[in-house]
Structures are given as structure tokens and as C-alpha cells.
PDB file of N, CA and C in Angstrom:
ATOM      1  N   MET A   1      -0.458  66.857  67.793  1.00  0.00           N
ATOM      2  CA  MET A   1      -1.171  67.251  66.586  1.00  0.00           C
ATOM      3  C   MET A   1      -0.331  66.899  65.374  1.00  0.00           C
ATOM      4  N   ASN A   2      -0.927  66.265  64.395  1.00  0.00           N
ATOM      5  CA  ASN A   2      -0.224  65.836  63.195  1.00  0.00           C
ATOM      6  C   ASN A   2      -0.350  66.913  62.128  1.00  0.00           C
ATOM      7  N   ASN A   3       0.779  67.490  61.712  1.00  0.00           N
ATOM      8  CA  ASN A   3       0.777  68.526  60.689  1.00  0.00           C
ATOM      9  C   ASN A   3       1.114  67.990  59.313  1.00  0.00           C
ATOM     10  N   THR A   4       1.104  66.690  59.141  1.00  0.00           N
ATOM     11  CA  THR A   4       1.427  66.085  57.859  1.00  0.00           C
ATOM     12  C   THR A   4       0.248  66.245  56.915  1.00  0.00           C
ATOM     13  N   PRO A   5       0.476  66.781  55.720  1.00  0.00           N
ATOM     14  CA  PRO A   5      -0.634  66.901  54.765  1.00  0.00           C
ATOM     15  C   PRO A   5      -1.190  65.533  54.414  1.00  0.00           C
ATOM     16  N   SER A   6      -2.505  65.458  54.214  1.00  0.00           N
ATOM     17  CA  SER A   6      -3.110  64.173  53.863  1.00  0.00           C
ATOM     18  C   SER A   6      -2.853  63.807  52.411  1.00  0.00           C
ATOM     19  N   ASP A   7      -2.561  64.784  51.561  1.00  0.00           N
ATOM     20  CA  ASP A   7      -2.287  64.531  50.152  1.00  0.00           C
ATOM     21  C   ASP A   7      -0.794  64.291  49.966  1.00  0.00           C
ATOM     22  N   PRO A   8      -0.391  63.064  49.528  1.00  0.00           N
ATOM     23  CA  PRO A   8       1.041  62.780  49.355  1.00  0.00           C
ATOM     24  C   PRO A   8       1.724  63.727  48.383  1.00  0.00           C
ATOM     25  N   GLU A   9       0.980  64.281  47.411  1.00  0.00           N
ATOM     26  CA  GLU A   9       1.580  65.208  46.459  1.00  0.00           C
ATOM     27  C   GLU A   9       2.010  66.509  47.135  1.00  0.00           C
ATOM     28  N   LEU A  10       1.385  66.843  48.274  1.00  0.00           N
ATOM     29  CA  LEU A  10       1.705  68.084  48.974  1.00  0.00           C
ATOM     30  C   LEU A  10       2.786  67.901  50.028  1.00  0.00           C
ATOM     31  N   SER A  11       3.063  66.685  50.402  1.00  0.00           N
ATOM     32  CA  SER A  11       4.045  66.447  51.452  1.00  0.00           C
ATOM     33  C   SER A  11       5.459  66.586  50.904  1.00  0.00           C
ATOM     34  N   GLU A  12       6.401  66.792  51.817  1.00  0.00           N
ATOM     35  CA  GLU A  12       7.798  66.868  51.413  1.00  0.00           C
ATOM     36  C   GLU A  12       8.246  65.519  50.875  1.00  0.00           C
ATOM     37  N   GLN A  13       9.297  65.552  50.061  1.00  0.00           N
ATOM     38  CA  GLN A  13       9.844  64.304  49.529  1.00  0.00           C
ATOM     39  C   GLN A  13      10.314  63.450  50.701  1.00  0.00           C
ATOM     40  N   PRO A  14       9.808  62.236  50.842  1.00  0.00           N
ATOM     41  CA  PRO A  14      10.221  61.390  51.954  1.00  0.00           C
ATOM     42  C   PRO A  14      11.691  61.019  51.845  1.00  0.00           C
ATOM     43  N   THR A  15      12.288  60.766  52.981  1.00  0.00           N
ATOM     44  CA  THR A  15      13.675  60.311  52.984  1.00  0.00           C
ATOM     45  C   THR A  15      13.693  58.798  52.899  1.00  0.00           C
ATOM     46  N   LEU A  16      14.767  58.275  52.360  1.00  0.00           N
ATOM     47  CA  LEU A  16      14.900  56.828  52.233  1.00  0.00           C
ATOM     48  C   LEU A  16      15.141  56.201  53.597  1.00  0.00           C
ATOM     49  N   PRO A  17      14.543  55.041  53.836  1.00  0.00           N
ATOM     50  CA  PRO A  17      14.846  54.322  55.065  1.00  0.00           C
ATOM     51  C   PRO A  17      16.321  53.924  55.075  1.00  0.00           C
ATOM     52  N   PRO A  18      16.893  53.715  56.265  1.00  0.00           N
ATOM     53  CA  PRO A  18      18.293  53.287  56.330  1.00  0.00           C
ATOM     54  C   PRO A  18      18.508  52.008  55.525  1.00  0.00           C
ATOM     55  N   ASN A  19      19.674  51.893  54.936  1.00  0.00           N
ATOM     56  CA  ASN A  19      20.091  50.714  54.168  1.00  0.00           C
ATOM     57  C   ASN A  19      19.279  50.492  52.891  1.00  0.00           C
ATOM     58  N   THR A  20      18.579  51.508  52.407  1.00  0.00           N
ATOM     59  CA  THR A  20      17.853  51.385  51.146  1.00  0.00           C
ATOM     60  C   THR A  20      18.818  51.642  50.005  1.00  0.00           C
ATOM     61  N   PRO A  21      18.940  50.709  49.078  1.00  0.00           N
ATOM     62  CA  PRO A  21      19.832  50.945  47.939  1.00  0.00           C
ATOM     63  C   PRO A  21      19.358  52.150  47.134  1.00  0.00           C
ATOM     64  N   GLN A  22      20.286  52.970  46.690  1.00  0.00           N
ATOM     65  CA  GLN A  22      19.944  54.148  45.899  1.00  0.00           C
ATOM     66  C   GLN A  22      19.539  53.764  44.477  1.00  0.00           C
ATOM     67  N   ASN A  23      19.836  52.547  44.081  1.00  0.00           N
ATOM     68  CA  ASN A  23      19.526  52.123  42.718  1.00  0.00           C
ATOM     69  C   ASN A  23      18.366  51.132  42.695  1.00  0.00           C
ATOM     70  N   SER A  24      17.368  51.390  43.546  1.00  0.00           N
ATOM     71  CA  SER A  24      16.200  50.509  43.543  1.00  0.00           C
ATOM     72  C   SER A  24      14.934  51.324  43.780  1.00  0.00           C
ATOM     73  N   HIS A  25      13.833  50.779  43.342  1.00  0.00           N
ATOM     74  CA  HIS A  25      12.508  51.339  43.594  1.00  0.00           C
ATOM     75  C   HIS A  25      11.662  50.208  44.151  1.00  0.00           C
ATOM     76  N   THR A  26      10.711  50.551  44.998  1.00  0.00           N
ATOM     77  CA  THR A  26       9.798  49.564  45.552  1.00  0.00           C
ATOM     78  C   THR A  26       8.375  49.951  45.160  1.00  0.00           C
ATOM     79  N   PHE A  27       7.647  48.964  44.660  1.00  0.00           N
ATOM     80  CA  PHE A  27       6.270  49.169  44.239  1.00  0.00           C
ATOM     81  C   PHE A  27       5.398  48.135  44.938  1.00  0.00           C
ATOM     82  N   VAL A  28       4.172  48.519  45.248  1.00  0.00           N
ATOM     83  CA  VAL A  28       3.185  47.585  45.780  1.00  0.00           C
ATOM     84  C   VAL A  28       2.079  47.482  44.739  1.00  0.00           C
ATOM     85  N   ILE A  29       1.749  46.250  44.372  1.00  0.00           N
ATOM     86  CA  ILE A  29       0.700  46.008  43.383  1.00  0.00           C
ATOM     87  C   ILE A  29      -0.437  45.263  44.067  1.00  0.00           C
ATOM     88  N   ARG A  30      -1.643  45.774  43.917  1.00  0.00           N
ATOM     89  CA  ARG A  30      -2.834  45.116  44.461  1.00  0.00           C
ATOM     90  C   ARG A  30      -3.743  44.782  43.285  1.00  0.00           C
ATOM     91  N   ILE A  31      -4.179  43.540  43.213  1.00  0.00           N
ATOM     92  CA  ILE A  31      -5.018  43.068  42.110  1.00  0.00           C
ATOM     93  C   ILE A  31      -6.264  42.413  42.700  1.00  0.00           C
ATOM     94  N   TRP A  32      -7.416  42.667  42.085  1.00  0.00           N
ATOM     95  CA  TRP A  32      -8.651  42.048  42.541  1.00  0.00           C
ATOM     96  C   TRP A  32      -9.545  41.747  41.344  1.00  0.00           C
ATOM     97  N   LEU A  33     -10.526  40.897  41.575  1.00  0.00           N
ATOM     98  CA  LEU A  33     -11.472  40.496  40.535  1.00  0.00           C
ATOM     99  C   LEU A  33     -12.794  41.209  40.778  1.00  0.00           C
ATOM    100  N   GLU A  34     -13.271  41.899  39.769  1.00  0.00           N
ATOM    101  CA  GLU A  34     -14.592  42.531  39.820  1.00  0.00           C
ATOM    102  C   GLU A  34     -15.496  41.746  38.892  1.00  0.00           C
ATOM    103  N   ASP A  35     -16.630  41.327  39.412  1.00  0.00           N
ATOM    104  CA  ASP A  35     -17.540  40.583  38.547  1.00  0.00           C
ATOM    105  C   ASP A  35     -18.918  41.224  38.559  1.00  0.00           C
ATOM    106  N   ASP A  36     -19.581  41.042  37.465  1.00  0.00           N
ATOM    107  CA  ASP A  36     -20.948  41.527  37.308  1.00  0.00           C
ATOM    108  C   ASP A  36     -21.848  40.370  37.716  1.00  0.00           C
ATOM    109  N   GLU A  37     -22.503  40.503  38.857  1.00  0.00           N
ATOM    110  CA  GLU A  37     -23.317  39.403  39.377  1.00  0.00           C
ATOM    111  C   GLU A  37     -24.450  39.017  38.430  1.00  0.00           C
ATOM    112  N   SER A  38     -24.868  39.930  37.574  1.00  0.00           N
ATOM    113  CA  SER A  38     -25.949  39.613  36.641  1.00  0.00           C
ATOM    114  C   SER A  38     -25.448  38.855  35.411  1.00  0.00           C
ATOM    115  N   ASP A  39     -24.130  38.833  35.211  1.00  0.00           N
ATOM    116  CA  ASP A  39     -23.552  38.149  34.047  1.00  0.00           C
ATOM    117  C   ASP A  39     -22.313  37.388  34.505  1.00  0.00           C
ATOM    118  N   GLU A  40     -22.444  36.067  34.649  1.00  0.00           N
ATOM    119  CA  GLU A  40     -21.341  35.253  35.167  1.00  0.00           C
ATOM    120  C   GLU A  40     -20.091  35.323  34.308  1.00  0.00           C
ATOM    121  N   ALA A  41     -20.252  35.582  33.015  1.00  0.00           N
ATOM    122  CA  ALA A  41     -19.093  35.640  32.123  1.00  0.00           C
ATOM    123  C   ALA A  41     -18.362  36.976  32.210  1.00  0.00           C
ATOM    124  N   ALA A  42     -18.989  37.979  32.806  1.00  0.00           N
ATOM    125  CA  ALA A  42     -18.389  39.319  32.861  1.00  0.00           C
ATOM    126  C   ALA A  42     -17.624  39.510  34.168  1.00  0.00           C
ATOM    127  N   ALA A  43     -16.385  39.103  34.158  1.00  0.00           N
ATOM    128  CA  ALA A  43     -15.502  39.323  35.303  1.00  0.00           C
ATOM    129  C   ALA A  43     -14.254  40.024  34.790  1.00  0.00           C
ATOM    130  N   PHE A  44     -13.780  40.999  35.542  1.00  0.00           N
ATOM    131  CA  PHE A  44     -12.641  41.800  35.108  1.00  0.00           C
ATOM    132  C   PHE A  44     -11.607  41.877  36.217  1.00  0.00           C
ATOM    133  N   TRP A  45     -10.346  41.725  35.840  1.00  0.00           N
ATOM    134  CA  TRP A  45      -9.257  41.936  36.783  1.00  0.00           C
ATOM    135  C   TRP A  45      -8.941  43.420  36.806  1.00  0.00           C
ATOM    136  N   ARG A  46      -8.819  43.954  37.980  1.00  0.00           N
ATOM    137  CA  ARG A  46      -8.480  45.360  38.184  1.00  0.00           C
ATOM    138  C   ARG A  46      -7.335  45.414  39.189  1.00  0.00           C
ATOM    139  N   GLY A  47      -6.709  46.573  39.263  1.00  0.00           N
ATOM    140  CA  GLY A  47      -5.664  46.713  40.261  1.00  0.00           C
ATOM    141  C   GLY A  47      -5.128  48.119  40.338  1.00  0.00           C
ATOM    142  N   HIS A  48      -4.198  48.296  41.265  1.00  0.00           N
ATOM    143  CA  HIS A  48      -3.459  49.548  41.314  1.00  0.00           C
ATOM    144  C   HIS A  48      -2.036  49.249  41.737  1.00  0.00           C
ATOM    145  N   ILE A  49      -1.141  50.134  41.324  1.00  0.00           N
ATOM    146  CA  ILE A  49       0.267  50.023  41.666  1.00  0.00           C
ATOM    147  C   ILE A  49       0.660  51.322  42.353  1.00  0.00           C
ATOM    148  N   THR A  50       1.417  51.202  43.439  1.00  0.00           N
ATOM    149  CA  THR A  50       1.853  52.358  44.216  1.00  0.00           C
ATOM    150  C   THR A  50       3.362  52.334  44.337  1.00  0.00           C
ATOM    151  N   HIS A  51       3.995  53.469  44.069  1.00  0.00           N
ATOM    152  CA  HIS A  51       5.431  53.625  44.315  1.00  0.00           C
ATOM    153  C   HIS A  51       5.563  53.938  45.797  1.00  0.00           C
ATOM    154  N   VAL A  52       6.289  53.109  46.522  1.00  0.00           N
ATOM    155  CA  VAL A  52       6.331  53.209  47.976  1.00  0.00           C
ATOM    156  C   VAL A  52       6.910  54.539  48.455  1.00  0.00           C
ATOM    157  N   LEU A  53       7.966  55.014  47.843  1.00  0.00           N
ATOM    158  CA  LEU A  53       8.630  56.214  48.349  1.00  0.00           C
ATOM    159  C   LEU A  53       7.802  57.481  48.145  1.00  0.00           C
ATOM    160  N   ASP A  54       7.287  57.702  46.943  1.00  0.00           N
ATOM    161  CA  ASP A  54       6.564  58.961  46.710  1.00  0.00           C
ATOM    162  C   ASP A  54       5.041  58.810  46.800  1.00  0.00           C
ATOM    163  N   GLN A  55       4.561  57.578  46.999  1.00  0.00           N
ATOM    164  CA  GLN A  55       3.136  57.273  47.178  1.00  0.00           C
ATOM    165  C   GLN A  55       2.270  57.595  45.959  1.00  0.00           C
ATOM    166  N   ARG A  56       2.886  57.755  44.808  1.00  0.00           N
ATOM    167  CA  ARG A  56       2.082  57.930  43.592  1.00  0.00           C
ATOM    168  C   ARG A  56       1.405  56.604  43.282  1.00  0.00           C
ATOM    169  N   ARG A  57       0.186  56.686  42.744  1.00  0.00           N
ATOM    170  CA  ARG A  57      -0.599  55.475  42.484  1.00  0.00           C
ATOM    171  C   ARG A  57      -1.261  55.572  41.121  1.00  0.00           C
ATOM    172  N   ARG A  58      -1.374  54.412  40.480  1.00  0.00           N
ATOM    173  CA  ARG A  58      -2.082  54.325  39.197  1.00  0.00           C
ATOM    174  C   ARG A  58      -2.977  53.096  39.230  1.00  0.00           C
ATOM    175  N   PHE A  59      -4.216  53.267  38.789  1.00  0.00           N
ATOM    176  CA  PHE A  59      -5.126  52.145  38.642  1.00  0.00           C
ATOM    177  C   PHE A  59      -4.963  51.580  37.242  1.00  0.00           C
ATOM    178  N   PHE A  60      -5.145  50.270  37.099  1.00  0.00           N
ATOM    179  CA  PHE A  60      -4.973  49.630  35.798  1.00  0.00           C
ATOM    180  C   PHE A  60      -5.979  48.514  35.607  1.00  0.00           C
ATOM    181  N   GLN A  61      -6.147  48.141  34.333  1.00  0.00           N
ATOM    182  CA  GLN A  61      -7.032  47.042  33.964  1.00  0.00           C
ATOM    183  C   GLN A  61      -6.295  45.953  33.201  1.00  0.00           C
ATOM    184  N   ASP A  62      -5.009  46.182  32.928  1.00  0.00           N
ATOM    185  CA  ASP A  62      -4.206  45.176  32.240  1.00  0.00           C
ATOM    186  C   ASP A  62      -2.740  45.372  32.630  1.00  0.00           C
ATOM    187  N   LEU A  63      -1.904  44.430  32.239  1.00  0.00           N
ATOM    188  CA  LEU A  63      -0.489  44.491  32.616  1.00  0.00           C
ATOM    189  C   LEU A  63       0.237  45.665  31.975  1.00  0.00           C
ATOM    190  N   GLN A  64      -0.260  46.143  30.859  1.00  0.00           N
ATOM    191  CA  GLN A  64       0.346  47.303  30.197  1.00  0.00           C
ATOM    192  C   GLN A  64       0.340  48.517  31.130  1.00  0.00           C
ATOM    193  N   GLY A  65      -0.694  48.655  31.943  1.00  0.00           N
ATOM    194  CA  GLY A  65      -0.774  49.768  32.886  1.00  0.00           C
ATOM    195  C   GLY A  65       0.351  49.742  33.908  1.00  0.00           C
ATOM    196  N   ILE A  66       0.767  48.545  34.318  1.00  0.00           N
ATOM    197  CA  ILE A  66       1.890  48.418  35.252  1.00  0.00           C
ATOM    198  C   ILE A  66       3.166  48.883  34.576  1.00  0.00           C
ATOM    199  N   LYS A  67       3.378  48.423  33.354  1.00  0.00           N
ATOM    200  CA  LYS A  67       4.579  48.814  32.604  1.00  0.00           C
ATOM    201  C   LYS A  67       4.637  50.324  32.422  1.00  0.00           C
ATOM    202  N   GLN A  68       3.519  50.920  32.057  1.00  0.00           N
ATOM    203  CA  GLN A  68       3.483  52.363  31.823  1.00  0.00           C
ATOM    204  C   GLN A  68       3.787  53.148  33.095  1.00  0.00           C
ATOM    205  N   PHE A  69       3.401  52.622  34.238  1.00  0.00           N
ATOM    206  CA  PHE A  69       3.665  53.311  35.502  1.00  0.00           C
ATOM    207  C   PHE A  69       5.135  53.209  35.903  1.00  0.00           C
ATOM    208  N   ILE A  70       5.730  52.034  35.733  1.00  0.00           N
ATOM    209  CA  ILE A  70       7.109  51.802  36.169  1.00  0.00           C
ATOM    210  C   ILE A  70       8.131  52.429  35.223  1.00  0.00           C
ATOM    211  N   ALA A  71       7.842  52.467  33.942  1.00  0.00           N
ATOM    212  CA  ALA A  71       8.818  52.919  32.943  1.00  0.00           C
ATOM    213  C   ALA A  71       9.442  54.283  33.246  1.00  0.00           C
ATOM    214  N   PRO A  72       8.687  55.314  33.632  1.00  0.00           N
ATOM    215  CA  PRO A  72       9.331  56.611  33.893  1.00  0.00           C
ATOM    216  C   PRO A  72      10.359  56.572  35.026  1.00  0.00           C
ATOM    217  N   TYR A  73      10.127  55.741  36.033  1.00  0.00           N
ATOM    218  CA  TYR A  73      11.102  55.621  37.120  1.00  0.00           C
ATOM    219  C   TYR A  73      12.416  55.046  36.586  1.00  0.00           C
ATOM    220  N   LEU A  74      12.309  54.064  35.699  1.00  0.00           N
ATOM    221  CA  LEU A  74      13.511  53.468  35.122  1.00  0.00           C
ATOM    222  C   LEU A  74      14.178  54.411  34.134  1.00  0.00           C
ATOM    223  N   GLU A  75      13.380  55.164  33.403  1.00  0.00           N
ATOM    224  CA  GLU A  75      13.936  56.118  32.439  1.00  0.00           C
ATOM    225  C   GLU A  75      14.760  57.199  33.135  1.00  0.00           C
ATOM    226  N   GLU A  76      14.362  57.594  34.354  1.00  0.00           N
ATOM    227  CA  GLU A  76      15.138  58.580  35.117  1.00  0.00           C
ATOM    228  C   GLU A  76      16.579  58.126  35.297  1.00  0.00           C
ATOM    229  N   TRP A  77      16.774  56.842  35.433  1.00  0.00           N
ATOM    230  CA  TRP A  77      18.122  56.282  35.613  1.00  0.00           C
ATOM    231  C   TRP A  77      18.822  56.066  34.288  1.00  0.00           C
ATOM    232  N   GLY A  78      18.115  56.208  33.183  1.00  0.00           N
ATOM    233  CA  GLY A  78      18.689  55.856  31.893  1.00  0.00           C
ATOM    234  C   GLY A  78      18.750  54.350  31.729  1.00  0.00           C
ATOM    235  N   ALA A  79      17.865  53.644  32.410  1.00  0.00           N
ATOM    236  CA  ALA A  79      17.904  52.179  32.421  1.00  0.00           C
ATOM    237  C   ALA A  79      17.776  51.576  31.033  1.00  0.00           C
ATOM    238  N   PHE A  80      17.041  52.225  30.141  1.00  0.00           N
ATOM    239  CA  PHE A  80      16.847  51.655  28.816  1.00  0.00           C
ATOM    240  C   PHE A  80      18.050  51.897  27.922  1.00  0.00           C
ATOM    241  N   HIS A  81      18.933  52.791  28.344  1.00  0.00           N
ATOM    242  CA  HIS A  81      20.132  53.085  27.566  1.00  0.00           C
ATOM    243  C   HIS A  81      21.345  52.323  28.086  1.00  0.00           C
ATOM    244  N   ARG A  82      21.404  52.084  29.393  1.00  0.00           N
ATOM    245  CA  ARG A  82      22.578  51.476  30.007  1.00  0.00           C
ATOM    246  C   ARG A  82      22.524  49.963  30.068  1.00  0.00           C
ATOM    247  N   ALA A  83      21.363  49.417  30.198  1.00  0.00           N
ATOM    248  CA  ALA A  83      21.258  47.974  30.412  1.00  0.00           C
ATOM    249  C   ALA A  83      20.124  47.407  29.568  1.00  0.00           C
ATOM    250  N   LYS A  84      20.252  46.152  29.250  1.00  0.00           N
ATOM    251  CA  LYS A  84      19.158  45.476  28.566  1.00  0.00           C
ATOM    252  C   LYS A  84      18.036  45.306  29.578  1.00  0.00           C
ATOM    253  N   SER A  85      16.867  45.674  29.182  1.00  0.00           N
ATOM    254  CA  SER A  85      15.723  45.622  30.073  1.00  0.00           C
ATOM    255  C   SER A  85      14.652  44.734  29.473  1.00  0.00           C
ATOM    256  N   GLU A  86      14.114  43.832  30.280  1.00  0.00           N
ATOM    257  CA  GLU A  86      13.028  42.988  29.794  1.00  0.00           C
ATOM    258  C   GLU A  86      11.750  43.783  29.606  1.00  0.00           C
ATOM    259  N   ILE A  87      11.663  44.950  30.222  1.00  0.00           N
ATOM    260  CA  ILE A  87      10.481  45.773  30.005  1.00  0.00           C
ATOM    261  C   ILE A  87      10.482  46.292  28.573  1.00  0.00           C
ATOM    262  N   GLU A  88      11.621  46.776  28.109  1.00  0.00           N
ATOM    263  CA  GLU A  88      11.711  47.291  26.744  1.00  0.00           C
ATOM    264  C   GLU A  88      11.977  46.183  25.726  1.00  0.00           C
ATOM    265  N   ASN A  89      12.692  45.145  26.131  1.00  0.00           N
ATOM    266  CA  ASN A  89      13.078  44.063  25.224  1.00  0.00           C
ATOM    267  C   ASN A  89      12.677  42.719  25.826  1.00  0.00           C
ATOM    268  N   PRO A  90      11.385  42.410  25.847  1.00  0.00           N
ATOM    269  CA  PRO A  90      10.952  41.170  26.488  1.00  0.00           C
ATOM    270  C   PRO A  90      11.534  39.935  25.807  1.00  0.00           C
ATOM    271  N   LYS A  91      11.853  38.949  26.629  1.00  0.00           N
ATOM    272  CA  LYS A  91      12.332  37.673  26.093  1.00  0.00           C
ATOM    273  C   LYS A  91      11.154  36.953  25.461  1.00  0.00           C
ATOM    274  N   THR A  92      11.415  36.291  24.384  1.00  0.00           N
ATOM    275  CA  THR A  92      10.362  35.499  23.754  1.00  0.00           C
ATOM    276  C   THR A  92      10.467  34.072  24.256  1.00  0.00           C
ATOM    277  N   GLN A  93       9.323  33.452  24.418  1.00  0.00           N
ATOM    278  CA  GLN A  93       9.279  32.067  24.872  1.00  0.00           C
ATOM    279  C   GLN A  93       9.543  31.145  23.692  1.00  0.00           C
ATOM    280  N   PRO A  94      10.351  30.092  23.885  1.00  0.00           N
ATOM    281  CA  PRO A  94      10.618  29.151  22.781  1.00  0.00           C
ATOM    282  C   PRO A  94       9.391  28.364  22.396  1.00  0.00           C
TER     283      PRO A  94
END
């Protein structure tokens, strides 16, 4: 019998797999195209991003949604204070 709660928010904090760096996060991003069959010009990219360890998920409609989801994980480390980050300081193309 499986006593694991079906809601990831209710489950205990998962343990890291062996050899997982303590200074990394893993995310899975799934992107798909939704189109309105009645209007060929109306197609929208949609997606969701999941943090592998805690299974939190966010749906998005643009790349800004990915940034907003990842930023708090990096902020926990003080990443924006300790290192230059392309998320906060994107490189400009020549």
C-alpha cells in the first residue's frame, strides 16, 4: 500500500539523489503549440516549468514566466548578489 500523498505540497521534502551538487537546481520545461482551428493565424505557445526536487510547477505563456519561476530559487542562494547573472543582467547582442 502506498502511503505517499498525491499532492506534492503535502509530501515531505524529498532528499537529494546521490552525487547531486548542493549548488544546483534542476527544472523540466515543457512547451507546446495551441492553435485555434477556426483561425489559422491564432496560434499560441504555452508551457509549464517544474522544479524537479520539490515538484512545484508554473504554467506560462511567454519566457518571462520561466524567469519569474526560477528567480526565487536563485535568490535563496543570494545569486544576484554574489555573481553576475544573465537573468538579472542579460547580455546585449552586438
